[in-house]
Amino acid sequence: LTEFILMGITDRPELQAPFFGLFLIIYTVSVVGNLGMIILT
């Protein structure tokens, strides 16, 4: 073993792009919100 394969959230190809967009937005909001909280405090 030199690597692992992650099955991911779904194996349905048609959902990959929508999920990418959704979770990119969620992660971006999370980063901005938490960095903002760190800076403010």
ModelCIF file with pLDDT and N, C-alpha, C, O atoms, coordinates in Angstrom:
data_MODEL
#
_entry.id   MODEL 
#
_entity.id                         1 
_entity.type                       polymer 
_entity.pdbx_number_of_molecules   1 
#
_entity_poly.entity_id                      1 
_entity_poly.type                           'polypeptide(L)' 
_entity_poly.nstd_linkage                   no 
_entity_poly.nstd_monomer                   no 
_entity_poly.pdbx_seq_one_letter_code       LTEFILMGITDRPELQAPFFGLFLIIYTVSVVGNLGMIILT 
_entity_poly.pdbx_seq_one_letter_code_can   LTEFILMGITDRPELQAPFFGLFLIIYTVSVVGNLGMIILT 
_entity_poly.pdbx_strand_id                 A 
#
loop_
_entity_poly_seq.entity_id 
_entity_poly_seq.num 
_entity_poly_seq.mon_id 
_entity_poly_seq.hetero 
1 1  LEU n 
1 2  THR n 
1 3  GLU n 
1 4  PHE n 
1 5  ILE n 
1 6  LEU n 
1 7  MET n 
1 8  GLY n 
1 9  ILE n 
1 10 THR n 
1 11 ASP n 
1 12 ARG n 
1 13 PRO n 
1 14 GLU n 
1 15 LEU n 
1 16 GLN n 
1 17 ALA n 
1 18 PRO n 
1 19 PHE n 
1 20 PHE n 
1 21 GLY n 
1 22 LEU n 
1 23 PHE n 
1 24 LEU n 
1 25 ILE n 
1 26 ILE n 
1 27 TYR n 
1 28 THR n 
1 29 VAL n 
1 30 SER n 
1 31 VAL n 
1 32 VAL n 
1 33 GLY n 
1 34 ASN n 
1 35 LEU n 
1 36 GLY n 
1 37 MET n 
1 38 ILE n 
1 39 ILE n 
1 40 LEU n 
1 41 THR n 
#
_struct_asym.id          A 
_struct_asym.entity_id   1 
#
loop_
_ma_qa_metric.id 
_ma_qa_metric.mode 
_ma_qa_metric.name 
_ma_qa_metric.software_group_id 
_ma_qa_metric.type 
1 global pLDDT . pLDDT 
2 local  pLDDT . pLDDT 
#
_ma_qa_metric_global.metric_id      1 
_ma_qa_metric_global.metric_value   88.76 
_ma_qa_metric_global.model_id       1 
_ma_qa_metric_global.ordinal_id     1 
#
loop_
_ma_qa_metric_local.label_asym_id 
_ma_qa_metric_local.label_comp_id 
_ma_qa_metric_local.label_seq_id 
_ma_qa_metric_local.metric_id 
_ma_qa_metric_local.metric_value 
_ma_qa_metric_local.model_id 
_ma_qa_metric_local.ordinal_id 
A LEU 1  2 77.00 1 1  
A THR 2  2 82.00 1 2  
A GLU 3  2 87.00 1 3  
A PHE 4  2 91.00 1 4  
A ILE 5  2 88.00 1 5  
A LEU 6  2 89.00 1 6  
A MET 7  2 86.00 1 7  
A GLY 8  2 83.00 1 8  
A ILE 9  2 85.00 1 9  
A THR 10 2 80.00 1 10 
A ASP 11 2 78.00 1 11 
A ARG 12 2 81.00 1 12 
A PRO 13 2 80.00 1 13 
A GLU 14 2 85.00 1 14 
A LEU 15 2 84.00 1 15 
A GLN 16 2 86.00 1 16 
A ALA 17 2 88.00 1 17 
A PRO 18 2 91.00 1 18 
A PHE 19 2 89.00 1 19 
A PHE 20 2 92.00 1 20 
A GLY 21 2 93.00 1 21 
A LEU 22 2 93.00 1 22 
A PHE 23 2 93.00 1 23 
A LEU 24 2 95.00 1 24 
A ILE 25 2 95.00 1 25 
A ILE 26 2 94.00 1 26 
A TYR 27 2 95.00 1 27 
A THR 28 2 95.00 1 28 
A VAL 29 2 94.00 1 29 
A SER 30 2 94.00 1 30 
A VAL 31 2 95.00 1 31 
A VAL 32 2 92.00 1 32 
A GLY 33 2 91.00 1 33 
A ASN 34 2 93.00 1 34 
A LEU 35 2 93.00 1 35 
A GLY 36 2 89.00 1 36 
A MET 37 2 89.00 1 37 
A ILE 38 2 91.00 1 38 
A ILE 39 2 89.00 1 39 
A LEU 40 2 87.00 1 40 
A THR 41 2 87.00 1 41 
#
loop_
_atom_site.group_PDB 
_atom_site.id 
_atom_site.type_symbol 
_atom_site.label_atom_id 
_atom_site.label_alt_id 
_atom_site.label_comp_id 
_atom_site.label_asym_id 
_atom_site.label_entity_id 
_atom_site.label_seq_id 
_atom_site.pdbx_PDB_ins_code 
_atom_site.Cartn_x 
_atom_site.Cartn_y 
_atom_site.Cartn_z 
_atom_site.occupancy 
_atom_site.B_iso_or_equiv 
_atom_site.pdbx_formal_charge 
_atom_site.auth_seq_id 
_atom_site.auth_comp_id 
_atom_site.auth_asym_id 
_atom_site.auth_atom_id 
_atom_site.pdbx_PDB_model_num 
ATOM 1   N N  . LEU A 1 1  ? 0.817   -1.210 0.000   1.00 77.00 ? 1  LEU A N  1 
ATOM 2   C CA . LEU A 1 1  ? 0.000   0.000  0.000   1.00 77.00 ? 1  LEU A CA 1 
ATOM 3   C C  . LEU A 1 1  ? 0.855   1.266  0.000   1.00 77.00 ? 1  LEU A C  1 
ATOM 4   O O  . LEU A 1 1  ? 1.609   1.521  0.939   1.00 77.00 ? 1  LEU A O  1 
ATOM 5   N N  . THR A 1 2  ? 0.724   2.052  -1.066  1.00 82.00 ? 2  THR A N  1 
ATOM 6   C CA . THR A 1 2  ? 1.351   3.369  -1.125  1.00 82.00 ? 2  THR A CA 1 
ATOM 7   C C  . THR A 1 2  ? 0.305   4.471  -1.195  1.00 82.00 ? 2  THR A C  1 
ATOM 8   O O  . THR A 1 2  ? 0.621   5.651  -1.039  1.00 82.00 ? 2  THR A O  1 
ATOM 9   N N  . GLU A 1 3  ? -0.941  4.081  -1.429  1.00 87.00 ? 3  GLU A N  1 
ATOM 10  C CA . GLU A 1 3  ? -2.027  5.054  -1.510  1.00 87.00 ? 3  GLU A CA 1 
ATOM 11  C C  . GLU A 1 3  ? -3.354  4.367  -1.229  1.00 87.00 ? 3  GLU A C  1 
ATOM 12  O O  . GLU A 1 3  ? -3.461  3.141  -1.257  1.00 87.00 ? 3  GLU A O  1 
ATOM 13  N N  . PHE A 1 4  ? -4.368  5.193  -0.955  1.00 91.00 ? 4  PHE A N  1 
ATOM 14  C CA . PHE A 1 4  ? -5.726  4.704  -0.752  1.00 91.00 ? 4  PHE A CA 1 
ATOM 15  C C  . PHE A 1 4  ? -6.636  5.344  -1.792  1.00 91.00 ? 4  PHE A C  1 
ATOM 16  O O  . PHE A 1 4  ? -6.345  6.414  -2.325  1.00 91.00 ? 4  PHE A O  1 
ATOM 17  N N  . ILE A 1 5  ? -7.743  4.664  -2.065  1.00 88.00 ? 5  ILE A N  1 
ATOM 18  C CA . ILE A 1 5  ? -8.772  5.216  -2.945  1.00 88.00 ? 5  ILE A CA 1 
ATOM 19  C C  . ILE A 1 5  ? -9.976  5.590  -2.084  1.00 88.00 ? 5  ILE A C  1 
ATOM 20  O O  . ILE A 1 5  ? -10.537 4.753  -1.377  1.00 88.00 ? 5  ILE A O  1 
ATOM 21  N N  . LEU A 1 6  ? -10.359 6.862  -2.157  1.00 89.00 ? 6  LEU A N  1 
ATOM 22  C CA . LEU A 1 6  ? -11.520 7.339  -1.409  1.00 89.00 ? 6  LEU A CA 1 
ATOM 23  C C  . LEU A 1 6  ? -12.762 7.213  -2.280  1.00 89.00 ? 6  LEU A C  1 
ATOM 24  O O  . LEU A 1 6  ? -12.797 7.738  -3.393  1.00 89.00 ? 6  LEU A O  1 
ATOM 25  N N  . MET A 1 7  ? -13.783 6.518  -1.780  1.00 86.00 ? 7  MET A N  1 
ATOM 26  C CA . MET A 1 7  ? -15.007 6.347  -2.560  1.00 86.00 ? 7  MET A CA 1 
ATOM 27  C C  . MET A 1 7  ? -15.766 7.652  -2.738  1.00 86.00 ? 7  MET A C  1 
ATOM 28  O O  . MET A 1 7  ? -16.535 7.806  -3.687  1.00 86.00 ? 7  MET A O  1 
ATOM 29  N N  . GLY A 1 8  ? -15.550 8.592  -1.824  1.00 83.00 ? 8  GLY A N  1 
ATOM 30  C CA . GLY A 1 8  ? -16.206 9.888  -1.944  1.00 83.00 ? 8  GLY A CA 1 
ATOM 31  C C  . GLY A 1 8  ? -17.640 9.866  -1.441  1.00 83.00 ? 8  GLY A C  1 
ATOM 32  O O  . GLY A 1 8  ? -18.105 8.874  -0.881  1.00 83.00 ? 8  GLY A O  1 
ATOM 33  N N  . ILE A 1 9  ? -18.329 10.982 -1.652  1.00 85.00 ? 9  ILE A N  1 
ATOM 34  C CA . ILE A 1 9  ? -19.702 11.125 -1.182  1.00 85.00 ? 9  ILE A CA 1 
ATOM 35  C C  . ILE A 1 9  ? -20.668 10.360 -2.067  1.00 85.00 ? 9  ILE A C  1 
ATOM 36  O O  . ILE A 1 9  ? -21.620 9.756  -1.573  1.00 85.00 ? 9  ILE A O  1 
ATOM 37  N N  . THR A 1 10 ? -20.431 10.381 -3.364  1.00 80.00 ? 10 THR A N  1 
ATOM 38  C CA . THR A 1 10 ? -21.307 9.678  -4.308  1.00 80.00 ? 10 THR A CA 1 
ATOM 39  C C  . THR A 1 10 ? -20.494 9.167  -5.487  1.00 80.00 ? 10 THR A C  1 
ATOM 40  O O  . THR A 1 10 ? -19.471 9.751  -5.844  1.00 80.00 ? 10 THR A O  1 
ATOM 41  N N  . ASP A 1 11 ? -20.953 8.070  -6.092  1.00 78.00 ? 11 ASP A N  1 
ATOM 42  C CA . ASP A 1 11 ? -20.295 7.549  -7.299  1.00 78.00 ? 11 ASP A CA 1 
ATOM 43  C C  . ASP A 1 11 ? -21.096 7.877  -8.562  1.00 78.00 ? 11 ASP A C  1 
ATOM 44  O O  . ASP A 1 11 ? -20.798 7.353  -9.635  1.00 78.00 ? 11 ASP A O  1 
ATOM 45  N N  . ARG A 1 12 ? -22.108 8.740  -8.443  1.00 81.00 ? 12 ARG A N  1 
ATOM 46  C CA . ARG A 1 12 ? -22.936 9.114  -9.593  1.00 81.00 ? 12 ARG A CA 1 
ATOM 47  C C  . ARG A 1 12 ? -22.294 10.297 -10.312 1.00 81.00 ? 12 ARG A C  1 
ATOM 48  O O  . ARG A 1 12 ? -22.188 11.374 -9.724  1.00 81.00 ? 12 ARG A O  1 
ATOM 49  N N  . PRO A 1 13 ? -21.860 10.135 -11.565 1.00 80.00 ? 13 PRO A N  1 
ATOM 50  C CA . PRO A 1 13 ? -21.134 11.190 -12.287 1.00 80.00 ? 13 PRO A CA 1 
ATOM 51  C C  . PRO A 1 13 ? -21.923 12.489 -12.418 1.00 80.00 ? 13 PRO A C  1 
ATOM 52  O O  . PRO A 1 13 ? -21.344 13.573 -12.365 1.00 80.00 ? 13 PRO A O  1 
ATOM 53  N N  . GLU A 1 14 ? -23.248 12.386 -12.590 1.00 85.00 ? 14 GLU A N  1 
ATOM 54  C CA . GLU A 1 14 ? -24.046 13.593 -12.806 1.00 85.00 ? 14 GLU A CA 1 
ATOM 55  C C  . GLU A 1 14 ? -24.138 14.472 -11.558 1.00 85.00 ? 14 GLU A C  1 
ATOM 56  O O  . GLU A 1 14 ? -24.539 15.632 -11.649 1.00 85.00 ? 14 GLU A O  1 
ATOM 57  N N  . LEU A 1 15 ? -23.767 13.927 -10.389 1.00 84.00 ? 15 LEU A N  1 
ATOM 58  C CA . LEU A 1 15 ? -23.830 14.707 -9.149  1.00 84.00 ? 15 LEU A CA 1 
ATOM 59  C C  . LEU A 1 15 ? -22.492 15.324 -8.758  1.00 84.00 ? 15 LEU A C  1 
ATOM 60  O O  . LEU A 1 15 ? -22.431 16.132 -7.831  1.00 84.00 ? 15 LEU A O  1 
ATOM 61  N N  . GLN A 1 16 ? -21.419 14.951 -9.455  1.00 86.00 ? 16 GLN A N  1 
ATOM 62  C CA . GLN A 1 16 ? -20.089 15.435 -9.081  1.00 86.00 ? 16 GLN A CA 1 
ATOM 63  C C  . GLN A 1 16 ? -19.988 16.954 -9.183  1.00 86.00 ? 16 GLN A C  1 
ATOM 64  O O  . GLN A 1 16 ? -19.527 17.605 -8.245  1.00 86.00 ? 16 GLN A O  1 
ATOM 65  N N  . ALA A 1 17 ? -20.412 17.525 -10.310 1.00 88.00 ? 17 ALA A N  1 
ATOM 66  C CA . ALA A 1 17 ? -20.307 18.981 -10.515 1.00 88.00 ? 17 ALA A CA 1 
ATOM 67  C C  . ALA A 1 17 ? -21.207 19.764 -9.552  1.00 88.00 ? 17 ALA A C  1 
ATOM 68  O O  . ALA A 1 17 ? -20.737 20.722 -8.939  1.00 88.00 ? 17 ALA A O  1 
ATOM 69  N N  . PRO A 1 18 ? -22.494 19.386 -9.397  1.00 91.00 ? 18 PRO A N  1 
ATOM 70  C CA . PRO A 1 18 ? -23.327 20.118 -8.416  1.00 91.00 ? 18 PRO A CA 1 
ATOM 71  C C  . PRO A 1 18 ? -22.781 20.042 -6.988  1.00 91.00 ? 18 PRO A C  1 
ATOM 72  O O  . PRO A 1 18 ? -22.791 21.037 -6.264  1.00 91.00 ? 18 PRO A O  1 
ATOM 73  N N  . PHE A 1 19 ? -22.303 18.858 -6.586  1.00 89.00 ? 19 PHE A N  1 
ATOM 74  C CA . PHE A 1 19 ? -21.743 18.721 -5.244  1.00 89.00 ? 19 PHE A CA 1 
ATOM 75  C C  . PHE A 1 19 ? -20.469 19.551 -5.092  1.00 89.00 ? 19 PHE A C  1 
ATOM 76  O O  . PHE A 1 19 ? -20.237 20.155 -4.044  1.00 89.00 ? 19 PHE A O  1 
ATOM 77  N N  . PHE A 1 20 ? -19.650 19.579 -6.138  1.00 92.00 ? 20 PHE A N  1 
ATOM 78  C CA . PHE A 1 20 ? -18.425 20.385 -6.088  1.00 92.00 ? 20 PHE A CA 1 
ATOM 79  C C  . PHE A 1 20 ? -18.781 21.846 -5.841  1.00 92.00 ? 20 PHE A C  1 
ATOM 80  O O  . PHE A 1 20 ? -18.190 22.493 -4.976  1.00 92.00 ? 20 PHE A O  1 
ATOM 81  N N  . GLY A 1 21 ? -19.750 22.370 -6.602  1.00 93.00 ? 21 GLY A N  1 
ATOM 82  C CA . GLY A 1 21 ? -20.164 23.761 -6.433  1.00 93.00 ? 21 GLY A CA 1 
ATOM 83  C C  . GLY A 1 21 ? -20.737 24.033 -5.054  1.00 93.00 ? 21 GLY A C  1 
ATOM 84  O O  . GLY A 1 21 ? -20.415 25.040 -4.425  1.00 93.00 ? 21 GLY A O  1 
ATOM 85  N N  . LEU A 1 22 ? -21.597 23.119 -4.585  1.00 93.00 ? 22 LEU A N  1 
ATOM 86  C CA . LEU A 1 22 ? -22.237 23.284 -3.279  1.00 93.00 ? 22 LEU A CA 1 
ATOM 87  C C  . LEU A 1 22 ? -21.206 23.308 -2.151  1.00 93.00 ? 22 LEU A C  1 
ATOM 88  O O  . LEU A 1 22 ? -21.207 24.213 -1.317  1.00 93.00 ? 22 LEU A O  1 
ATOM 89  N N  . PHE A 1 23 ? -20.323 22.297 -2.136  1.00 93.00 ? 23 PHE A N  1 
ATOM 90  C CA . PHE A 1 23 ? -19.365 22.198 -1.039  1.00 93.00 ? 23 PHE A CA 1 
ATOM 91  C C  . PHE A 1 23 ? -18.252 23.237 -1.140  1.00 93.00 ? 23 PHE A C  1 
ATOM 92  O O  . PHE A 1 23 ? -17.659 23.608 -0.127  1.00 93.00 ? 23 PHE A O  1 
ATOM 93  N N  . LEU A 1 24 ? -17.964 23.710 -2.352  1.00 95.00 ? 24 LEU A N  1 
ATOM 94  C CA . LEU A 1 24 ? -17.005 24.813 -2.494  1.00 95.00 ? 24 LEU A CA 1 
ATOM 95  C C  . LEU A 1 24 ? -17.559 26.077 -1.851  1.00 95.00 ? 24 LEU A C  1 
ATOM 96  O O  . LEU A 1 24 ? -16.834 26.800 -1.168  1.00 95.00 ? 24 LEU A O  1 
ATOM 97  N N  . ILE A 1 25 ? -18.843 26.342 -2.068  1.00 95.00 ? 25 ILE A N  1 
ATOM 98  C CA . ILE A 1 25 ? -19.488 27.508 -1.443  1.00 95.00 ? 25 ILE A CA 1 
ATOM 99  C C  . ILE A 1 25 ? -19.488 27.364 0.079   1.00 95.00 ? 25 ILE A C  1 
ATOM 100 O O  . ILE A 1 25 ? -19.155 28.305 0.799   1.00 95.00 ? 25 ILE A O  1 
ATOM 101 N N  . ILE A 1 26 ? -19.869 26.164 0.564   1.00 94.00 ? 26 ILE A N  1 
ATOM 102 C CA . ILE A 1 26 ? -19.916 25.927 2.014   1.00 94.00 ? 26 ILE A CA 1 
ATOM 103 C C  . ILE A 1 26 ? -18.540 26.117 2.636   1.00 94.00 ? 26 ILE A C  1 
ATOM 104 O O  . ILE A 1 26 ? -18.410 26.768 3.673   1.00 94.00 ? 26 ILE A O  1 
ATOM 105 N N  . TYR A 1 27 ? -17.504 25.548 2.003   1.00 95.00 ? 27 TYR A N  1 
ATOM 106 C CA . TYR A 1 27 ? -16.150 25.646 2.557   1.00 95.00 ? 27 TYR A CA 1 
ATOM 107 C C  . TYR A 1 27 ? -15.637 27.087 2.505   1.00 95.00 ? 27 TYR A C  1 
ATOM 108 O O  . TYR A 1 27 ? -14.977 27.545 3.437   1.00 95.00 ? 27 TYR A O  1 
ATOM 109 N N  . THR A 1 28 ? -15.938 27.797 1.420   1.00 95.00 ? 28 THR A N  1 
ATOM 110 C CA . THR A 1 28 ? -15.514 29.193 1.295   1.00 95.00 ? 28 THR A CA 1 
ATOM 111 C C  . THR A 1 28 ? -16.152 30.053 2.382   1.00 95.00 ? 28 THR A C  1 
ATOM 112 O O  . THR A 1 28 ? -15.479 30.868 3.013   1.00 95.00 ? 28 THR A O  1 
ATOM 113 N N  . VAL A 1 29 ? -17.459 29.864 2.596   1.00 94.00 ? 29 VAL A N  1 
ATOM 114 C CA . VAL A 1 29 ? -18.154 30.610 3.656   1.00 94.00 ? 29 VAL A CA 1 
ATOM 115 C C  . VAL A 1 29 ? -17.554 30.274 5.022   1.00 94.00 ? 29 VAL A C  1 
ATOM 116 O O  . VAL A 1 29 ? -17.392 31.150 5.872   1.00 94.00 ? 29 VAL A O  1 
ATOM 117 N N  . SER A 1 30 ? -17.226 28.995 5.223   1.00 94.00 ? 30 SER A N  1 
ATOM 118 C CA . SER A 1 30 ? -16.627 28.554 6.486   1.00 94.00 ? 30 SER A CA 1 
ATOM 119 C C  . SER A 1 30 ? -15.271 29.217 6.722   1.00 94.00 ? 30 SER A C  1 
ATOM 120 O O  . SER A 1 30 ? -14.996 29.703 7.819   1.00 94.00 ? 30 SER A O  1 
ATOM 121 N N  . VAL A 1 31 ? -14.427 29.235 5.693   1.00 95.00 ? 31 VAL A N  1 
ATOM 122 C CA . VAL A 1 31 ? -13.095 29.839 5.815   1.00 95.00 ? 31 VAL A CA 1 
ATOM 123 C C  . VAL A 1 31 ? -13.209 31.338 6.094   1.00 95.00 ? 31 VAL A C  1 
ATOM 124 O O  . VAL A 1 31 ? -12.558 31.860 7.000   1.00 95.00 ? 31 VAL A O  1 
ATOM 125 N N  . VAL A 1 32 ? -14.041 32.023 5.309   1.00 92.00 ? 32 VAL A N  1 
ATOM 126 C CA . VAL A 1 32 ? -14.210 33.472 5.487   1.00 92.00 ? 32 VAL A CA 1 
ATOM 127 C C  . VAL A 1 32 ? -14.780 33.777 6.872   1.00 92.00 ? 32 VAL A C  1 
ATOM 128 O O  . VAL A 1 32 ? -14.307 34.688 7.552   1.00 92.00 ? 32 VAL A O  1 
ATOM 129 N N  . GLY A 1 33 ? -15.799 33.014 7.293   1.00 91.00 ? 33 GLY A N  1 
ATOM 130 C CA . GLY A 1 33 ? -16.436 33.249 8.586   1.00 91.00 ? 33 GLY A CA 1 
ATOM 131 C C  . GLY A 1 33 ? -15.495 33.024 9.750   1.00 91.00 ? 33 GLY A C  1 
ATOM 132 O O  . GLY A 1 33 ? -15.424 33.846 10.663  1.00 91.00 ? 33 GLY A O  1 
ATOM 133 N N  . ASN A 1 34 ? -14.769 31.915 9.725   1.00 93.00 ? 34 ASN A N  1 
ATOM 134 C CA . ASN A 1 34 ? -13.881 31.601 10.847  1.00 93.00 ? 34 ASN A CA 1 
ATOM 135 C C  . ASN A 1 34 ? -12.637 32.475 10.862  1.00 93.00 ? 34 ASN A C  1 
ATOM 136 O O  . ASN A 1 34 ? -12.182 32.878 11.932  1.00 93.00 ? 34 ASN A O  1 
ATOM 137 N N  . LEU A 1 35 ? -12.076 32.778 9.686   1.00 93.00 ? 35 LEU A N  1 
ATOM 138 C CA . LEU A 1 35 ? -10.947 33.710 9.640   1.00 93.00 ? 35 LEU A CA 1 
ATOM 139 C C  . LEU A 1 35 ? -11.379 35.091 10.112  1.00 93.00 ? 35 LEU A C  1 
ATOM 140 O O  . LEU A 1 35 ? -10.654 35.778 10.831  1.00 93.00 ? 35 LEU A O  1 
ATOM 141 N N  . GLY A 1 36 ? -12.585 35.482 9.686   1.00 89.00 ? 36 GLY A N  1 
ATOM 142 C CA . GLY A 1 36 ? -13.112 36.769 10.131  1.00 89.00 ? 36 GLY A CA 1 
ATOM 143 C C  . GLY A 1 36 ? -13.282 36.824 11.639  1.00 89.00 ? 36 GLY A C  1 
ATOM 144 O O  . GLY A 1 36 ? -12.974 37.836 12.267  1.00 89.00 ? 36 GLY A O  1 
ATOM 145 N N  . MET A 1 37 ? -13.779 35.718 12.228  1.00 89.00 ? 37 MET A N  1 
ATOM 146 C CA . MET A 1 37 ? -13.958 35.661 13.677  1.00 89.00 ? 37 MET A CA 1 
ATOM 147 C C  . MET A 1 37 ? -12.608 35.737 14.392  1.00 89.00 ? 37 MET A C  1 
ATOM 148 O O  . MET A 1 37 ? -12.481 36.417 15.410  1.00 89.00 ? 37 MET A O  1 
ATOM 149 N N  . ILE A 1 38 ? -11.607 35.043 13.863  1.00 91.00 ? 38 ILE A N  1 
ATOM 150 C CA . ILE A 1 38 ? -10.267 35.073 14.463  1.00 91.00 ? 38 ILE A CA 1 
ATOM 151 C C  . ILE A 1 38 ? -9.696  36.491 14.418  1.00 91.00 ? 38 ILE A C  1 
ATOM 152 O O  . ILE A 1 38 ? -9.155  36.980 15.410  1.00 91.00 ? 38 ILE A O  1 
ATOM 153 N N  . ILE A 1 39 ? -9.820  37.146 13.265  1.00 89.00 ? 39 ILE A N  1 
ATOM 154 C CA . ILE A 1 39 ? -9.277  38.503 13.109  1.00 89.00 ? 39 ILE A CA 1 
ATOM 155 C C  . ILE A 1 39 ? -10.018 39.499 13.998  1.00 89.00 ? 39 ILE A C  1 
ATOM 156 O O  . ILE A 1 39 ? -9.392  40.317 14.672  1.00 89.00 ? 39 ILE A O  1 
ATOM 157 N N  . LEU A 1 40 ? -11.364 39.430 13.999  1.00 87.00 ? 40 LEU A N  1 
ATOM 158 C CA . LEU A 1 40 ? -12.167 40.358 14.809  1.00 87.00 ? 40 LEU A CA 1 
ATOM 159 C C  . LEU A 1 40 ? -11.812 40.262 16.289  1.00 87.00 ? 40 LEU A C  1 
ATOM 160 O O  . LEU A 1 40 ? -11.588 41.278 16.948  1.00 87.00 ? 40 LEU A O  1 
ATOM 161 N N  . THR A 1 41 ? -11.764 39.045 16.804  1.00 87.00 ? 41 THR A N  1 
ATOM 162 C CA . THR A 1 41 ? -11.517 38.859 18.235  1.00 87.00 ? 41 THR A CA 1 
ATOM 163 C C  . THR A 1 41 ? -10.060 39.129 18.609  1.00 87.00 ? 41 THR A C  1 
ATOM 164 O O  . THR A 1 41 ? -9.691  39.015 19.778  1.00 87.00 ? 41 THR A O  1 
#
